[in-house]
N, C-alpha and C. Protein backbone atom coordinates (compact mmCIF):
# COMPACT_ATOMS: atom_id res chain seq x y z
N MET A 1 72.23 -49.62 -154.27
CA MET A 1 72.88 -49.36 -152.98
C MET A 1 74.39 -49.52 -153.14
N ASN A 2 75.11 -48.65 -152.44
CA ASN A 2 76.57 -48.68 -152.49
C ASN A 2 77.06 -49.65 -151.43
N THR A 3 77.72 -50.71 -151.87
CA THR A 3 78.21 -51.72 -150.92
C THR A 3 79.70 -51.57 -150.64
N ARG A 4 80.34 -50.53 -151.19
CA ARG A 4 81.75 -50.32 -150.92
C ARG A 4 81.94 -49.96 -149.45
N THR A 5 83.07 -50.36 -148.89
CA THR A 5 83.40 -50.07 -147.50
C THR A 5 83.55 -48.56 -147.32
N CYS A 6 83.09 -48.06 -146.18
CA CYS A 6 83.19 -46.64 -145.89
C CYS A 6 84.64 -46.23 -145.69
N PRO A 7 85.05 -45.07 -146.23
CA PRO A 7 86.43 -44.61 -146.06
C PRO A 7 86.83 -44.36 -144.61
N CYS A 8 85.86 -44.14 -143.71
CA CYS A 8 86.19 -43.76 -142.33
C CYS A 8 86.81 -44.89 -141.52
N GLY A 9 86.77 -46.11 -142.05
CA GLY A 9 87.41 -47.22 -141.37
C GLY A 9 86.49 -48.12 -140.57
N LEU A 10 85.24 -47.69 -140.36
CA LEU A 10 84.30 -48.56 -139.65
C LEU A 10 83.78 -49.62 -140.61
N PRO A 11 83.38 -50.77 -140.06
CA PRO A 11 82.83 -51.80 -140.95
C PRO A 11 81.48 -51.34 -141.51
N GLY A 12 81.15 -51.79 -142.65
CA GLY A 12 79.89 -51.43 -143.26
C GLY A 12 80.09 -50.60 -144.52
N SER A 13 79.01 -50.44 -145.25
CA SER A 13 79.07 -49.73 -146.52
C SER A 13 79.08 -48.22 -146.29
N TYR A 14 79.56 -47.51 -147.30
CA TYR A 14 79.56 -46.05 -147.27
C TYR A 14 78.14 -45.53 -147.05
N ASP A 15 77.17 -46.07 -147.79
CA ASP A 15 75.78 -45.58 -147.68
C ASP A 15 75.22 -45.75 -146.27
N ALA A 16 75.54 -46.86 -145.62
CA ALA A 16 75.02 -47.12 -144.28
C ALA A 16 75.80 -46.39 -143.19
N CYS A 17 76.98 -45.91 -143.53
CA CYS A 17 77.84 -45.24 -142.55
C CYS A 17 77.85 -43.74 -142.83
N CYS A 18 78.91 -43.18 -143.33
CA CYS A 18 79.04 -41.74 -143.53
C CYS A 18 78.18 -41.20 -144.66
N GLY A 19 77.84 -42.03 -145.64
CA GLY A 19 77.03 -41.58 -146.76
C GLY A 19 75.70 -41.00 -146.32
N ARG A 20 75.09 -41.54 -145.27
CA ARG A 20 73.79 -41.03 -144.80
C ARG A 20 73.95 -39.64 -144.19
N PHE A 21 75.11 -39.34 -143.62
CA PHE A 21 75.36 -37.99 -143.10
C PHE A 21 75.61 -37.03 -144.25
N HIS A 22 76.39 -37.47 -145.25
CA HIS A 22 76.70 -36.63 -146.41
C HIS A 22 75.44 -36.26 -147.18
N SER A 23 74.51 -37.19 -147.28
CA SER A 23 73.28 -36.95 -148.05
C SER A 23 72.27 -36.11 -147.27
N GLY A 24 72.46 -35.99 -145.96
CA GLY A 24 71.50 -35.26 -145.13
C GLY A 24 70.41 -36.14 -144.57
N ALA A 25 70.47 -37.44 -144.83
CA ALA A 25 69.44 -38.36 -144.32
C ALA A 25 69.53 -38.51 -142.79
N ALA A 26 70.70 -38.24 -142.23
CA ALA A 26 70.90 -38.34 -140.78
C ALA A 26 71.99 -37.34 -140.39
N SER A 27 72.05 -37.06 -139.10
CA SER A 27 73.10 -36.20 -138.56
C SER A 27 74.02 -37.03 -137.68
N ALA A 28 75.29 -36.69 -137.68
CA ALA A 28 76.26 -37.42 -136.85
C ALA A 28 75.87 -37.28 -135.37
N PRO A 29 75.72 -38.41 -134.65
CA PRO A 29 75.25 -38.36 -133.26
C PRO A 29 76.33 -38.01 -132.24
N THR A 30 77.60 -38.10 -132.64
CA THR A 30 78.71 -37.82 -131.72
C THR A 30 79.78 -37.02 -132.45
N ALA A 31 80.68 -36.43 -131.68
CA ALA A 31 81.80 -35.71 -132.29
C ALA A 31 82.67 -36.67 -133.09
N GLU A 32 82.88 -37.88 -132.58
CA GLU A 32 83.69 -38.85 -133.33
C GLU A 32 83.03 -39.22 -134.65
N ALA A 33 81.72 -39.43 -134.64
CA ALA A 33 81.02 -39.75 -135.88
C ALA A 33 81.14 -38.60 -136.88
N LEU A 34 81.07 -37.36 -136.38
CA LEU A 34 81.25 -36.22 -137.29
C LEU A 34 82.67 -36.19 -137.83
N MET A 35 83.66 -36.46 -136.96
CA MET A 35 85.06 -36.49 -137.42
C MET A 35 85.22 -37.52 -138.53
N ARG A 36 84.68 -38.72 -138.31
CA ARG A 36 84.78 -39.78 -139.32
C ARG A 36 84.09 -39.36 -140.62
N SER A 37 82.92 -38.74 -140.50
CA SER A 37 82.19 -38.34 -141.71
C SER A 37 82.91 -37.21 -142.44
N ARG A 38 83.59 -36.33 -141.70
CA ARG A 38 84.36 -35.27 -142.35
C ARG A 38 85.58 -35.85 -143.07
N TYR A 39 86.23 -36.84 -142.45
CA TYR A 39 87.34 -37.51 -143.13
C TYR A 39 86.83 -38.12 -144.45
N SER A 40 85.70 -38.83 -144.37
CA SER A 40 85.13 -39.44 -145.58
C SER A 40 84.79 -38.39 -146.62
N ALA A 41 84.35 -37.21 -146.17
CA ALA A 41 84.04 -36.13 -147.11
C ALA A 41 85.32 -35.62 -147.79
N PHE A 42 86.43 -35.58 -147.05
CA PHE A 42 87.70 -35.22 -147.68
C PHE A 42 88.07 -36.27 -148.73
N VAL A 43 87.89 -37.55 -148.39
CA VAL A 43 88.19 -38.62 -149.34
C VAL A 43 87.34 -38.47 -150.60
N LYS A 44 86.06 -38.15 -150.42
CA LYS A 44 85.12 -38.05 -151.54
C LYS A 44 85.15 -36.70 -152.25
N GLY A 45 85.84 -35.72 -151.66
CA GLY A 45 85.87 -34.39 -152.25
C GLY A 45 84.57 -33.62 -152.07
N ASP A 46 83.84 -33.91 -151.00
CA ASP A 46 82.53 -33.29 -150.73
C ASP A 46 82.70 -31.99 -149.94
N THR A 47 83.05 -30.91 -150.65
CA THR A 47 83.28 -29.63 -149.97
C THR A 47 82.00 -29.06 -149.37
N GLY A 48 80.86 -29.33 -149.98
CA GLY A 48 79.59 -28.85 -149.44
C GLY A 48 79.35 -29.37 -148.03
N TYR A 49 79.57 -30.66 -147.82
CA TYR A 49 79.39 -31.25 -146.49
C TYR A 49 80.41 -30.67 -145.52
N LEU A 50 81.65 -30.54 -145.94
CA LEU A 50 82.69 -30.00 -145.05
C LEU A 50 82.32 -28.59 -144.59
N LEU A 51 81.86 -27.76 -145.49
CA LEU A 51 81.48 -26.40 -145.12
C LEU A 51 80.23 -26.39 -144.23
N ARG A 52 79.24 -27.25 -144.53
CA ARG A 52 78.02 -27.32 -143.72
C ARG A 52 78.30 -27.76 -142.29
N THR A 53 79.34 -28.57 -142.10
CA THR A 53 79.62 -29.11 -140.77
C THR A 53 80.77 -28.37 -140.08
N TRP A 54 81.05 -27.16 -140.53
CA TRP A 54 82.09 -26.31 -139.95
C TRP A 54 81.39 -25.23 -139.15
N HIS A 55 81.86 -24.93 -137.96
CA HIS A 55 81.24 -23.93 -137.09
C HIS A 55 81.17 -22.59 -137.83
N PRO A 56 80.02 -21.89 -137.78
CA PRO A 56 79.89 -20.62 -138.49
C PRO A 56 80.97 -19.59 -138.13
N ARG A 57 81.45 -19.59 -136.90
CA ARG A 57 82.43 -18.57 -136.51
C ARG A 57 83.85 -18.87 -137.02
N THR A 58 84.12 -20.10 -137.44
CA THR A 58 85.46 -20.45 -137.92
C THR A 58 85.46 -20.96 -139.37
N ARG A 59 84.30 -21.09 -139.96
CA ARG A 59 84.17 -21.65 -141.32
C ARG A 59 84.77 -20.69 -142.36
N PRO A 60 85.60 -21.21 -143.27
CA PRO A 60 86.11 -20.37 -144.36
C PRO A 60 85.01 -20.05 -145.37
N GLU A 61 85.21 -19.04 -146.14
CA GLU A 61 84.24 -18.66 -147.19
C GLU A 61 84.10 -19.77 -148.23
N GLU A 62 85.25 -20.37 -148.58
CA GLU A 62 85.25 -21.46 -149.56
C GLU A 62 86.35 -22.43 -149.19
N LEU A 63 86.30 -23.57 -149.82
CA LEU A 63 87.27 -24.63 -149.53
C LEU A 63 87.73 -25.21 -150.85
N ASP A 64 89.02 -25.11 -151.10
CA ASP A 64 89.60 -25.68 -152.32
C ASP A 64 90.42 -26.91 -151.94
N LEU A 65 89.91 -28.08 -152.29
CA LEU A 65 90.62 -29.32 -151.99
C LEU A 65 91.58 -29.65 -153.13
N ASP A 66 92.71 -30.22 -152.76
CA ASP A 66 93.70 -30.65 -153.74
C ASP A 66 93.20 -31.93 -154.41
N PRO A 67 92.89 -31.89 -155.71
CA PRO A 67 92.37 -33.09 -156.38
C PRO A 67 93.38 -34.23 -156.43
N GLY A 68 94.65 -33.93 -156.23
CA GLY A 68 95.67 -34.97 -156.25
C GLY A 68 95.89 -35.65 -154.91
N MET A 69 95.26 -35.13 -153.85
CA MET A 69 95.42 -35.72 -152.51
C MET A 69 94.73 -37.07 -152.45
N ARG A 70 95.44 -38.08 -151.96
CA ARG A 70 94.90 -39.43 -151.84
C ARG A 70 94.97 -39.85 -150.38
N TRP A 71 93.84 -39.74 -149.69
CA TRP A 71 93.74 -40.16 -148.29
C TRP A 71 93.72 -41.67 -148.24
N THR A 72 94.45 -42.25 -147.28
CA THR A 72 94.60 -43.71 -147.24
C THR A 72 94.13 -44.36 -145.95
N GLY A 73 93.76 -43.58 -144.93
CA GLY A 73 93.26 -44.21 -143.71
C GLY A 73 93.09 -43.22 -142.57
N LEU A 74 92.21 -43.57 -141.65
CA LEU A 74 91.92 -42.75 -140.48
C LEU A 74 92.07 -43.59 -139.23
N GLU A 75 92.76 -43.05 -138.25
CA GLU A 75 92.92 -43.70 -136.95
C GLU A 75 92.49 -42.70 -135.88
N ILE A 76 91.45 -43.07 -135.11
CA ILE A 76 91.02 -42.24 -133.98
C ILE A 76 91.89 -42.63 -132.80
N LEU A 77 92.62 -41.66 -132.25
CA LEU A 77 93.58 -41.92 -131.18
C LEU A 77 93.00 -41.67 -129.80
N ASP A 78 92.07 -40.71 -129.69
CA ASP A 78 91.49 -40.38 -128.39
C ASP A 78 90.24 -39.53 -128.61
N THR A 79 89.31 -39.65 -127.68
CA THR A 79 88.13 -38.79 -127.68
C THR A 79 87.90 -38.31 -126.25
N ALA A 80 87.37 -37.10 -126.13
CA ALA A 80 86.98 -36.56 -124.83
C ALA A 80 85.63 -35.90 -125.01
N ASP A 81 84.68 -36.33 -124.20
CA ASP A 81 83.29 -35.84 -124.31
C ASP A 81 82.78 -36.10 -125.73
N GLY A 82 81.90 -35.25 -126.22
CA GLY A 82 81.43 -35.41 -127.59
C GLY A 82 80.32 -36.42 -127.79
N SER A 83 79.67 -36.87 -126.70
CA SER A 83 78.57 -37.81 -126.85
C SER A 83 77.25 -37.05 -126.96
N ALA A 84 76.17 -37.77 -127.01
CA ALA A 84 74.85 -37.15 -127.07
C ALA A 84 74.56 -36.31 -125.83
N PHE A 85 75.32 -36.50 -124.76
CA PHE A 85 75.09 -35.79 -123.50
C PHE A 85 76.00 -34.57 -123.33
N HIS A 86 76.80 -34.25 -124.33
CA HIS A 86 77.76 -33.15 -124.22
C HIS A 86 77.46 -32.05 -125.23
N ALA A 87 77.94 -30.84 -124.93
CA ALA A 87 77.83 -29.70 -125.85
C ALA A 87 79.13 -29.49 -126.62
N LYS A 88 80.23 -30.07 -126.11
CA LYS A 88 81.54 -29.94 -126.75
C LYS A 88 82.23 -31.29 -126.74
N GLY A 89 83.19 -31.44 -127.62
CA GLY A 89 83.97 -32.68 -127.67
C GLY A 89 85.30 -32.44 -128.34
N ILE A 90 86.22 -33.36 -128.08
CA ILE A 90 87.55 -33.31 -128.70
C ILE A 90 87.85 -34.69 -129.27
N VAL A 91 88.37 -34.71 -130.49
CA VAL A 91 88.78 -35.97 -131.13
C VAL A 91 90.21 -35.79 -131.61
N THR A 92 91.09 -36.68 -131.17
CA THR A 92 92.47 -36.69 -131.65
C THR A 92 92.59 -37.82 -132.65
N PHE A 93 93.15 -37.52 -133.81
CA PHE A 93 93.20 -38.51 -134.88
C PHE A 93 94.48 -38.38 -135.69
N ARG A 94 94.73 -39.42 -136.48
CA ARG A 94 95.77 -39.39 -137.49
C ARG A 94 95.12 -39.81 -138.80
N ALA A 95 95.18 -38.92 -139.77
CA ALA A 95 94.67 -39.20 -141.11
C ALA A 95 95.87 -39.38 -142.03
N SER A 96 95.96 -40.55 -142.62
CA SER A 96 97.09 -40.85 -143.50
C SER A 96 96.74 -40.54 -144.94
N TYR A 97 97.74 -40.11 -145.66
CA TYR A 97 97.61 -39.87 -147.09
C TYR A 97 98.88 -40.37 -147.76
N ARG A 98 98.80 -40.54 -149.06
CA ARG A 98 99.96 -41.01 -149.79
C ARG A 98 101.10 -40.03 -149.56
N GLY A 99 102.16 -40.48 -148.89
CA GLY A 99 103.32 -39.63 -148.63
C GLY A 99 103.40 -39.04 -147.24
N GLY A 100 102.42 -39.30 -146.36
CA GLY A 100 102.50 -38.74 -145.02
C GLY A 100 101.24 -38.92 -144.21
N SER A 101 101.12 -38.10 -143.16
CA SER A 101 99.92 -38.16 -142.33
C SER A 101 99.70 -36.81 -141.65
N LEU A 102 98.49 -36.61 -141.21
CA LEU A 102 98.06 -35.42 -140.51
C LEU A 102 97.61 -35.85 -139.12
N HIS A 103 98.24 -35.31 -138.07
CA HIS A 103 97.92 -35.65 -136.68
C HIS A 103 97.31 -34.39 -136.07
N GLU A 104 96.05 -34.48 -135.62
CA GLU A 104 95.36 -33.29 -135.15
C GLU A 104 94.49 -33.60 -133.94
N ARG A 105 94.37 -32.62 -133.06
CA ARG A 105 93.39 -32.65 -131.97
C ARG A 105 92.32 -31.63 -132.36
N SER A 106 91.13 -32.12 -132.71
CA SER A 106 90.05 -31.28 -133.22
C SER A 106 89.02 -31.00 -132.15
N ARG A 107 88.49 -29.77 -132.18
CA ARG A 107 87.44 -29.36 -131.26
C ARG A 107 86.11 -29.29 -132.00
N PHE A 108 85.08 -29.79 -131.34
CA PHE A 108 83.74 -29.82 -131.89
C PHE A 108 82.76 -29.22 -130.89
N GLU A 109 81.71 -28.60 -131.41
CA GLU A 109 80.63 -28.07 -130.57
C GLU A 109 79.31 -28.37 -131.26
N ARG A 110 78.25 -28.26 -130.46
CA ARG A 110 76.91 -28.37 -131.04
C ARG A 110 76.40 -26.98 -131.39
N VAL A 111 75.80 -26.87 -132.56
CA VAL A 111 75.11 -25.65 -132.99
C VAL A 111 73.71 -26.09 -133.40
N ASP A 112 72.72 -25.54 -132.74
CA ASP A 112 71.32 -25.93 -132.99
C ASP A 112 71.15 -27.46 -132.93
N GLY A 113 71.85 -28.08 -131.99
CA GLY A 113 71.73 -29.52 -131.76
C GLY A 113 72.62 -30.40 -132.62
N ALA A 114 73.26 -29.82 -133.63
CA ALA A 114 74.09 -30.63 -134.54
C ALA A 114 75.57 -30.41 -134.24
N TRP A 115 76.35 -31.49 -134.30
CA TRP A 115 77.79 -31.40 -134.12
C TRP A 115 78.42 -30.68 -135.31
N VAL A 116 79.36 -29.77 -135.00
CA VAL A 116 80.13 -29.08 -136.04
C VAL A 116 81.59 -29.02 -135.61
N TYR A 117 82.46 -28.95 -136.60
CA TYR A 117 83.90 -28.81 -136.38
C TYR A 117 84.20 -27.34 -136.08
N VAL A 118 84.96 -27.09 -135.02
CA VAL A 118 85.34 -25.71 -134.67
C VAL A 118 86.73 -25.40 -135.21
N ASP A 119 87.73 -26.11 -134.71
CA ASP A 119 89.11 -25.92 -135.14
C ASP A 119 89.96 -27.05 -134.57
N GLY A 120 91.25 -26.99 -134.82
CA GLY A 120 92.12 -28.05 -134.34
C GLY A 120 93.56 -27.58 -134.22
N ASP A 121 94.32 -28.37 -133.48
CA ASP A 121 95.75 -28.14 -133.31
C ASP A 121 96.51 -29.28 -133.95
N PHE A 122 97.48 -28.93 -134.83
CA PHE A 122 98.34 -29.95 -135.41
C PHE A 122 99.33 -30.42 -134.35
N LEU A 123 99.53 -31.72 -134.26
CA LEU A 123 100.35 -32.29 -133.19
C LEU A 123 101.72 -32.74 -133.65
N ASP A 124 101.97 -32.86 -134.93
CA ASP A 124 103.30 -33.24 -135.43
C ASP A 124 103.82 -32.14 -136.31
C-alpha cells in the first residue's frame, strides 16, 4: 500500500484518496474531487486519466505533458454546485508549480453519471 500523502492536498495516502480514482476503483463523487484528482494526475503524469475525465466535446486528441513541470500545491478557492445533486459544477483553484502558479475557474459536467472536466477560464 502506498502511504505517501496525496498530491491533492487532502490528508491521507494517495491510494486512499486520488489513487482510487486514477486506478478506476472509484469515481470522483463531486466536481471538486474530480478537480483534485486531475491535479494529482498532472503531478503523476497520468495522461490516460486526464483524457478519460475530459468531456468528449472538448477533449483533445492527445495530451503532451511537460516532463520538467514540477507541481507544488493545490488550493481550492471556491466551488459552485458540483455535488451529487448537481449536473454541473464550477471549481476555482490555484495550482502552484516551481516558478509560478495557474489560477483557473473550471467547468465540470456529468456524462453518463460521471464528473468530467469541460473547460476553464484563466484568471491571472
